[in-house]
Protein backbone atom coordinates (compact mmCIF):
# COMPACT_ATOMS: atom_id res chain seq x y z
CA MET A 1 -1.63 22.43 42.56
CA PRO A 2 -4.14 22.21 39.68
CA HIS A 3 -6.73 24.99 39.55
CA TRP A 4 -9.67 22.58 39.82
CA LEU A 5 -8.26 20.93 42.93
CA GLN A 6 -7.51 24.24 44.60
CA LEU A 7 -11.04 25.45 43.90
CA MET A 8 -12.53 22.26 45.32
CA LEU A 9 -10.47 22.53 48.49
CA GLU A 10 -11.34 26.19 48.94
CA SER A 11 -15.07 25.58 48.48
CA LEU A 12 -15.22 22.38 50.55
CA PRO A 13 -15.68 24.11 53.96
CA SER A 14 -18.63 26.13 52.64
CA LEU A 15 -20.29 23.06 51.19
CA LEU A 16 -19.76 20.97 54.31
CA TRP A 17 -21.06 23.78 56.53
CA ALA A 18 -24.22 24.08 54.42
CA ALA A 19 -24.66 20.32 54.62
CA LEU A 20 -24.23 20.34 58.40
CA ILE A 21 -26.52 23.30 59.06
CA PHE A 22 -29.26 22.68 56.49
CA THR A 23 -29.00 19.43 54.50
CA VAL A 24 -28.59 17.06 57.45
CA PRO A 25 -31.23 18.67 59.73
CA LEU A 26 -33.70 18.92 56.84
CA THR A 27 -33.17 15.26 55.99
CA LEU A 28 -33.49 13.99 59.57
CA LEU A 29 -36.48 16.14 60.52
CA SER A 30 -38.32 15.38 57.28
CA PHE A 31 -37.78 11.65 57.61
CA VAL A 32 -38.79 11.42 61.28
CA LEU A 33 -41.89 13.56 60.77
CA GLY A 34 -42.70 11.84 57.48
CA LEU A 35 -42.35 8.42 59.10
CA THR A 36 -44.76 9.52 61.83
CA VAL A 37 -47.24 10.76 59.24
CA GLY A 38 -46.75 7.57 57.25
CA LEU A 39 -47.42 5.34 60.25
CA GLY A 40 -50.60 7.22 61.08
CA ALA A 41 -51.73 7.12 57.45
CA ALA A 42 -51.00 3.40 57.18
CA LEU A 43 -52.95 2.58 60.34
CA GLY A 44 -55.80 4.80 59.17
CA ARG A 45 -55.83 3.06 55.78
CA LEU A 46 -55.84 -0.41 57.33
CA PHE A 47 -58.05 0.01 60.36
CA GLY A 48 -59.86 3.35 60.05
CA PRO A 49 -63.47 4.05 59.10
CA LYS A 50 -64.36 4.44 55.43
CA PRO A 51 -64.17 8.27 55.38
CA LEU A 52 -60.68 8.18 56.88
CA VAL A 53 -59.61 5.47 54.45
CA ALA A 54 -60.82 7.59 51.54
CA LEU A 55 -59.01 10.66 52.90
CA VAL A 56 -55.73 8.77 53.31
CA ARG A 57 -55.99 7.28 49.83
CA PHE A 58 -56.57 10.75 48.40
CA TYR A 59 -53.56 12.14 50.28
CA VAL A 60 -51.31 9.33 49.07
CA TRP A 61 -52.61 9.68 45.52
CA ILE A 62 -51.86 13.41 45.43
CA PHE A 63 -48.36 13.29 46.89
CA ARG A 64 -47.20 10.17 45.07
CA GLY A 65 -48.66 11.34 41.78
CA THR A 66 -47.17 14.83 41.60
CA PRO A 67 -43.49 15.89 41.36
CA LEU A 68 -41.81 16.81 44.62
CA LEU A 69 -40.49 20.03 43.08
CA VAL A 70 -44.03 21.11 42.17
CA GLN A 71 -45.14 20.39 45.73
CA LEU A 72 -42.36 22.58 47.10
CA PHE A 73 -43.26 25.40 44.73
CA LEU A 74 -46.93 25.20 45.67
CA ILE A 75 -46.11 25.43 49.38
CA PHE A 76 -43.47 28.16 49.18
CA TYR A 77 -44.65 30.28 46.25
CA GLY A 78 -48.33 29.33 46.06
CA LEU A 79 -49.54 29.56 49.65
CA PRO A 80 -48.66 33.28 50.01
CA SER A 81 -51.44 33.90 47.45
CA VAL A 82 -53.95 32.79 50.12
CA GLY A 83 -52.21 34.63 52.95
CA ILE A 84 -50.00 31.79 54.26
CA LEU A 85 -46.38 32.92 54.44
CA LEU A 86 -43.66 30.40 55.28
CA ASP A 87 -39.91 30.76 55.40
CA ALA A 88 -37.96 28.60 52.98
CA PHE A 89 -36.78 25.98 55.48
CA THR A 90 -40.26 25.51 56.97
CA ALA A 91 -41.81 25.22 53.52
CA ALA A 92 -39.22 22.63 52.52
CA LEU A 93 -39.74 20.71 55.76
CA ILE A 94 -43.50 20.58 55.22
CA GLY A 95 -43.12 19.55 51.59
CA PHE A 96 -40.61 16.78 52.28
CA THR A 97 -42.58 15.56 55.31
CA LEU A 98 -45.84 15.22 53.38
CA ASN A 99 -44.08 13.58 50.44
CA ILE A 100 -42.18 11.11 52.60
CA GLY A 101 -45.33 10.43 54.62
CA ALA A 102 -47.18 9.35 51.48
CA TYR A 103 -44.45 6.95 50.38
CA THR A 104 -43.71 5.50 53.81
CA SER A 105 -47.42 4.95 54.48
CA GLU A 106 -47.53 2.48 51.61
CA ILE A 107 -44.35 0.77 52.80
CA ILE A 108 -45.66 0.43 56.34
CA ARG A 109 -49.10 -0.67 55.16
CA ALA A 110 -47.57 -3.45 53.08
CA ALA A 111 -45.26 -4.47 55.93
CA ILE A 112 -48.13 -4.73 58.42
CA GLY A 113 -50.17 -6.65 55.86
CA SER A 114 -47.31 -9.13 55.46
CA VAL A 115 -47.56 -10.25 59.10
CA PRO A 116 -49.52 -13.53 59.20
CA LYS A 117 -53.03 -13.37 60.64
CA GLY A 118 -52.04 -16.06 63.10
CA GLN A 119 -49.82 -13.53 64.89
CA TRP A 120 -52.88 -11.42 65.69
CA GLU A 121 -54.73 -14.49 66.91
CA ALA A 122 -51.79 -15.58 69.06
CA ALA A 123 -51.58 -12.12 70.64
CA TYR A 124 -55.31 -12.06 71.38
CA SER A 125 -55.17 -15.59 72.81
CA ILE A 126 -52.83 -14.45 75.60
CA GLY A 127 -55.03 -11.53 76.52
CA MET A 128 -53.45 -8.67 74.58
CA THR A 129 -55.58 -5.74 73.48
CA TRP A 130 -55.44 -4.46 69.90
CA SER A 131 -52.96 -1.73 70.82
CA GLN A 132 -50.78 -4.16 72.79
CA ALA A 133 -50.80 -6.66 69.93
CA MET A 134 -49.89 -3.93 67.48
CA ARG A 135 -47.11 -2.53 69.65
CA ARG A 136 -45.59 -5.77 70.95
CA THR A 137 -46.20 -8.28 68.18
CA ILE A 138 -47.16 -6.80 64.82
CA LEU A 139 -45.01 -3.68 64.51
CA PRO A 140 -41.73 -5.40 65.52
CA GLN A 141 -42.27 -8.01 62.80
CA ALA A 142 -43.46 -5.47 60.26
CA GLY A 143 -40.46 -3.30 61.07
CA ARG A 144 -38.08 -6.01 59.89
CA VAL A 145 -39.87 -6.13 56.55
CA ALA A 146 -40.04 -2.35 56.24
CA VAL A 147 -36.41 -1.53 57.02
CA PRO A 148 -34.95 -2.08 53.50
CA PRO A 149 -37.49 0.08 51.61
CA LEU A 150 -37.53 2.70 54.38
CA SER A 151 -33.74 2.86 54.26
CA ASN A 152 -33.86 3.35 50.50
CA THR A 153 -36.39 6.14 51.00
CA PHE A 154 -34.09 7.83 53.51
CA ILE A 155 -31.11 7.63 51.15
CA SER A 156 -33.22 9.08 48.33
CA LEU A 157 -34.32 11.87 50.65
CA VAL A 158 -30.70 12.90 51.24
CA LYS A 159 -30.33 13.49 47.51
CA ASP A 160 -33.79 15.02 47.11
CA THR A 161 -32.98 17.77 49.61
CA SER A 162 -31.02 19.40 46.78
CA LEU A 163 -34.43 20.41 45.38
CA ALA A 164 -34.81 22.76 48.34
CA ALA A 165 -32.30 25.02 46.61
CA ALA A 166 -35.09 25.90 44.18
CA ILE A 167 -37.02 27.59 47.00
CA THR A 168 -33.92 29.37 48.36
CA VAL A 169 -33.01 27.02 51.22
CA PRO A 170 -29.23 27.54 51.59
CA GLU A 171 -28.40 23.84 51.72
CA MET A 172 -25.38 22.21 50.13
CA PHE A 173 -26.44 22.40 46.50
CA GLN A 174 -27.39 26.06 46.74
CA ALA A 175 -24.06 26.74 48.42
CA ALA A 176 -22.44 25.25 45.32
CA GLN A 177 -24.64 27.43 43.11
CA ARG A 178 -23.57 30.56 44.98
CA ILE A 179 -19.90 29.71 44.57
CA VAL A 180 -20.49 29.04 40.86
CA ALA A 181 -22.01 32.51 40.57
CA THR A 182 -18.72 34.07 41.72
CA THR A 183 -16.17 31.67 40.20
CA TYR A 184 -17.89 30.81 36.91
CA GLU A 185 -16.74 27.20 37.29
CA PRO A 186 -19.97 25.17 37.21
CA LEU A 187 -18.40 21.88 36.16
CA ILE A 188 -15.92 21.78 39.05
CA LEU A 189 -18.38 22.87 41.73
CA TYR A 190 -21.24 20.65 40.62
CA VAL A 191 -18.93 17.65 40.37
CA GLU A 192 -17.76 18.40 43.91
CA ALA A 193 -21.36 18.61 45.14
CA ALA A 194 -22.14 15.33 43.37
CA ILE A 195 -19.15 13.67 45.06
CA LEU A 196 -20.34 14.83 48.47
CA TYR A 197 -23.86 13.52 47.85
CA LEU A 198 -22.36 10.25 46.62
CA ALA A 199 -20.21 9.98 49.74
CA MET A 200 -23.20 10.50 52.04
CA SER A 201 -25.29 8.00 50.10
CA SER A 202 -22.49 5.44 50.16
CA VAL A 203 -22.04 5.71 53.91
CA LEU A 204 -25.79 5.35 54.45
CA SER A 205 -25.93 2.37 52.08
CA ALA A 206 -23.17 0.65 54.05
CA LEU A 207 -25.02 1.31 57.31
CA GLN A 208 -28.20 -0.03 55.73
CA THR A 209 -26.45 -3.25 54.76
CA ARG A 210 -25.16 -3.76 58.29
CA LEU A 211 -28.57 -3.06 59.78
CA GLU A 212 -30.24 -5.54 57.44
CA GLU A 213 -27.66 -8.19 58.32
CA ARG A 214 -28.33 -7.71 62.03
CA LEU A 215 -32.07 -7.88 61.50
CA ASN A 216 -31.71 -11.04 59.43
CA ARG A 217 -29.67 -12.68 62.20
CA TYR A 218 -32.27 -11.61 64.75
CA GLY A 219 -35.05 -12.94 62.53
CA GLY A 220 -33.25 -16.25 62.10
CA PHE A 221 -32.84 -16.49 65.86
CA LEU A 222 -36.57 -15.94 66.40
CA GLU A 223 -37.47 -18.49 63.75
CA ALA A 224 -35.14 -21.04 65.32
CA ARG A 225 -36.79 -20.49 68.71
CA SER A 226 -40.24 -20.91 67.25
């Protein structure tokens, strides 16, 4: 067996374990929390009072306009200077959540804005309140529009979690770095890590395609009924 293949096989369990214990939970938690933040920010931007709109715009401007790695460093290495100590995973979770929240807020805001005004009027005409119209009429339609860009954001997040290695989160990329430190084989280990990230991204891309196809069929069915 070639040396490179043997090394890949020997290191694979460590990389997969790090992905299972840290990469996957960090990705899922960050996306769910970030999506929640993004929805709140989008609604605040669209329907909130002027001070809230200004606050949301400032938040989005900051987190979309600065590098994610810098944000992680500020949270993990910077906050202790003002007495706020966070463990690495928590710091990464906060950083990814706030970053994802900023990007998804713009996606959701655009998706809600794409729903025709007549849908609001139709909902109000049958006695729905604003919250009922939003929940039952607007968000389901906006969700169909938002799924492709949100899916792309999720896939990007899977790859971006490798940045957490810079603040000592022992996720998959840092696991590769630790093995490199003992084997002195950076090319083999980093190629293996890249292959694993590529595999995860490919699976998610295939699932995204299937989801979009189902949503398109559902949308065509609704249009045919209307």
